[in-house]
Amino acid sequence: MIEIKTPILKGVLKNHLDLKPKILNLIEKTNDSSLFKHDELLNDNIHKLDWDKSTDFSREWVTLLQPYLKDTLENMVLKIGLTKVIFENIWYQQYEYGGTHGWHTHGNNFTGVYYLSFDKEKHPKTEILNPSNPKDKISVEAEEGQIIAFPSYFIHRGAKNLQNTNKTIVSFNIDIHSPVFDYIK
């Protein structure tokens, strides 16, 4: 195996403090589903999510958030020599006490998390298994308002929320491409 270091991209969403209450209010008004699945592989306990609508970009909270998210992501991917971000899916997940999302991967070439409502001191961090050494678990340091993005084949999870406050994230699958010409000279 040839090892290549792959970055986990991180950025801050512009206007997070203004957008947060509006997006949470729109999410609160929805009558979306939940996901409770436990077997030998999965341990999912997501209290509210709209994964089943993840390709519907006309949802009100998505039309509000997506321009800011796209702008931030396009600035983030410039750091690795790429310029174009295409959204394939976008959805939210809300975790109450005991909520968790077991180990999993995503489709497309990158996936990401926007920490919409997140207490870095109390809520569990996103955990990623190092693809070069899956026994090495990485806890991603992030704060509310930040976005992380990483290759979608990275095995990752949302560990169990042991707080009485909700953790709300927006997850997305994107394709990034179109190299910066100066980067490849």
Protein backbone atom coordinates (compact mmCIF):
# COMPACT_ATOMS: atom_id res chain seq x y z
CA MET A 1 0.00 0.00 0.00
CA ILE A 2 1.18 3.50 -0.82
CA GLU A 3 0.12 5.99 1.83
CA ILE A 4 -0.87 9.52 0.90
CA LYS A 5 -1.87 11.95 3.61
CA THR A 6 -5.44 13.09 3.08
CA PRO A 7 -6.60 16.22 4.89
CA ILE A 8 -9.82 16.67 6.76
CA LEU A 9 -10.91 20.09 5.56
CA LYS A 10 -12.28 22.57 8.08
CA GLY A 11 -13.91 25.97 7.70
CA VAL A 12 -16.34 28.35 9.40
CA LEU A 13 -19.74 29.09 7.93
CA LYS A 14 -20.19 32.80 7.28
CA ASN A 15 -23.26 34.22 9.07
CA HIS A 16 -23.67 31.13 11.27
CA LEU A 17 -25.04 33.14 14.22
CA ASP A 18 -27.72 34.74 12.03
CA LEU A 19 -28.61 31.52 10.21
CA LYS A 20 -28.69 29.15 13.18
CA PRO A 21 -32.01 30.25 14.78
CA LYS A 22 -33.71 30.49 11.38
CA ILE A 23 -32.61 27.01 10.30
CA LEU A 24 -33.43 25.42 13.67
CA ASN A 25 -36.87 27.04 13.55
CA LEU A 26 -37.52 25.65 10.06
CA ILE A 27 -36.33 22.20 11.15
CA GLU A 28 -38.53 22.34 14.26
CA LYS A 29 -41.61 22.97 12.09
CA THR A 30 -41.03 19.86 9.97
CA ASN A 31 -42.64 16.52 10.57
CA ASP A 32 -39.67 14.41 9.59
CA SER A 33 -38.68 10.87 10.42
CA SER A 34 -36.36 9.21 12.91
CA LEU A 35 -33.93 6.30 12.57
CA PHE A 36 -33.58 3.59 15.17
CA LYS A 37 -31.63 0.60 13.90
CA HIS A 38 -29.58 -1.76 16.00
CA ASP A 39 -27.95 -4.94 14.77
CA GLU A 40 -24.49 -6.52 14.76
CA LEU A 41 -23.17 -3.75 12.48
CA LEU A 42 -25.31 -0.66 13.02
CA ASN A 43 -26.08 1.36 16.11
CA ASP A 44 -28.28 4.22 14.96
CA ASN A 45 -30.48 6.28 17.23
CA ILE A 46 -31.25 9.51 15.38
CA HIS A 47 -34.25 11.29 16.83
CA LYS A 48 -35.09 13.49 13.86
CA LEU A 49 -33.75 13.64 10.31
CA ASP A 50 -34.81 14.24 6.73
CA TRP A 51 -32.48 11.83 4.90
CA ASP A 52 -35.42 10.55 2.84
CA LYS A 53 -35.64 14.06 1.29
CA SER A 54 -31.88 14.56 0.88
CA THR A 55 -32.06 15.13 -2.89
CA ASP A 56 -34.84 17.74 -2.58
CA PHE A 57 -32.99 21.04 -2.68
CA SER A 58 -36.22 23.06 -2.53
CA ARG A 59 -36.73 22.52 1.22
CA GLU A 60 -36.90 25.93 2.89
CA TRP A 61 -33.99 25.39 5.29
CA VAL A 62 -31.83 24.09 2.40
CA THR A 63 -32.51 27.09 0.15
CA LEU A 64 -31.54 29.35 3.05
CA LEU A 65 -28.33 27.50 3.97
CA GLN A 66 -26.97 26.13 0.70
CA PRO A 67 -25.52 29.35 -0.80
CA TYR A 68 -23.49 30.00 2.37
CA LEU A 69 -22.44 26.37 2.60
CA LYS A 70 -21.36 26.23 -1.04
CA ASP A 71 -19.34 29.45 -0.72
CA THR A 72 -17.55 28.15 2.39
CA LEU A 73 -16.88 24.75 0.82
CA GLU A 74 -15.50 26.28 -2.38
CA ASN A 75 -13.02 28.27 -0.29
CA MET A 76 -12.12 25.13 1.67
CA VAL A 77 -11.42 22.96 -1.40
CA LEU A 78 -9.13 25.61 -2.88
CA LYS A 79 -6.65 24.48 -0.19
CA ILE A 80 -6.35 21.13 -1.98
CA GLY A 81 -6.22 22.59 -5.49
CA LEU A 82 -9.85 22.15 -6.54
CA THR A 83 -12.53 24.69 -7.39
CA LYS A 84 -15.92 23.14 -8.04
CA VAL A 85 -18.42 21.83 -5.46
CA ILE A 86 -21.54 19.97 -6.59
CA PHE A 87 -24.10 18.95 -3.98
CA GLU A 88 -25.63 15.51 -4.39
CA ASN A 89 -27.43 15.22 -1.03
CA ILE A 90 -28.04 17.41 1.99
CA TRP A 91 -29.97 16.56 5.17
CA TYR A 92 -30.05 17.28 8.88
CA GLN A 93 -29.77 14.94 11.84
CA GLN A 94 -30.83 15.81 15.37
CA TYR A 95 -29.66 13.83 18.37
CA GLU A 96 -31.39 13.99 21.74
CA TYR A 97 -30.01 12.27 24.85
CA GLY A 98 -28.73 8.81 23.84
CA GLY A 99 -28.66 9.67 20.14
CA THR A 100 -25.93 8.12 18.02
CA HIS A 101 -25.02 7.24 14.44
CA GLY A 102 -22.95 4.08 14.08
CA TRP A 103 -19.90 3.49 11.89
CA HIS A 104 -20.67 4.12 8.21
CA THR A 105 -19.42 5.59 4.94
CA HIS A 106 -21.03 7.78 2.26
CA GLY A 107 -21.22 7.97 -1.52
CA ASN A 108 -19.73 10.62 -3.82
CA ASN A 109 -16.13 11.74 -3.36
CA PHE A 110 -16.48 13.93 -0.24
CA THR A 111 -18.88 14.09 2.66
CA GLY A 112 -19.18 16.65 5.36
CA VAL A 113 -20.75 17.93 8.53
CA TYR A 114 -21.90 21.43 9.45
CA TYR A 115 -22.23 21.75 13.22
CA LEU A 116 -25.46 23.73 13.50
CA SER A 117 -26.16 23.27 17.21
CA PHE A 118 -23.14 21.84 18.99
CA ASP A 119 -21.44 22.30 22.35
CA LYS A 120 -17.80 21.32 21.84
CA GLU A 121 -17.34 20.77 25.59
CA LYS A 122 -20.38 18.51 26.01
CA HIS A 123 -21.51 16.95 22.74
CA PRO A 124 -19.65 14.00 21.23
CA LYS A 125 -17.20 14.65 18.43
CA THR A 126 -17.31 13.08 14.99
CA GLU A 127 -14.98 10.09 15.02
CA ILE A 128 -13.11 8.85 11.95
CA LEU A 129 -11.10 5.68 11.53
CA ASN A 130 -7.69 6.40 10.02
CA PRO A 131 -7.81 4.70 6.58
CA SER A 132 -4.10 3.83 6.83
CA ASN A 133 -4.62 2.22 10.25
CA PRO A 134 -8.30 1.52 11.07
CA LYS A 135 -7.39 0.78 14.70
CA ASP A 136 -6.46 4.47 15.00
CA LYS A 137 -9.62 6.46 15.83
CA ILE A 138 -9.50 10.23 15.23
CA SER A 139 -11.83 12.53 17.18
CA VAL A 140 -12.34 15.62 15.05
CA GLU A 141 -12.08 18.85 17.04
CA ALA A 142 -14.83 21.15 15.85
CA GLU A 143 -16.98 23.98 17.14
CA GLU A 144 -20.49 25.12 16.43
CA GLY A 145 -20.59 26.96 13.12
CA GLN A 146 -17.72 24.96 11.65
CA ILE A 147 -17.81 22.64 8.68
CA ILE A 148 -15.63 19.59 8.16
CA ALA A 149 -15.29 17.71 4.89
CA PHE A 150 -13.41 14.50 4.16
CA PRO A 151 -13.30 11.69 1.59
CA SER A 152 -16.57 9.79 1.71
CA TYR A 153 -14.89 6.39 2.04
CA PHE A 154 -13.59 7.34 5.50
CA ILE A 155 -15.38 5.18 8.05
CA HIS A 156 -16.89 7.54 10.61
CA ARG A 157 -19.61 7.89 13.24
CA GLY A 158 -21.47 10.28 15.48
CA ALA A 159 -20.77 8.96 18.99
CA LYS A 160 -23.52 8.79 21.63
CA ASN A 161 -24.91 12.09 22.93
CA LEU A 162 -24.91 11.87 26.74
CA GLN A 163 -26.21 15.41 27.22
CA ASN A 164 -29.76 16.62 27.78
CA THR A 165 -29.33 19.20 25.01
CA ASN A 166 -29.83 18.45 21.34
CA LYS A 167 -26.96 18.16 18.92
CA THR A 168 -28.01 19.17 15.40
CA ILE A 169 -25.82 18.73 12.36
CA VAL A 170 -26.29 19.14 8.64
CA SER A 171 -24.63 16.44 6.60
CA PHE A 172 -24.00 16.46 2.88
CA ASN A 173 -22.44 14.50 0.05
CA ILE A 174 -20.60 16.47 -2.59
CA ASP A 175 -18.40 15.92 -5.58
CA ILE A 176 -15.42 18.22 -5.81
CA HIS A 177 -13.30 18.57 -8.92
CA SER A 178 -11.90 21.01 -11.47
CA PRO A 179 -8.24 21.51 -10.55
CA VAL A 180 -6.86 24.99 -10.13
CA PHE A 181 -4.61 25.40 -13.17
CA ASP A 182 -1.81 27.11 -11.24
CA TYR A 183 -1.86 24.27 -8.72
CA ILE A 184 -0.97 21.62 -11.33
CA LYS A 185 1.73 23.57 -13.23
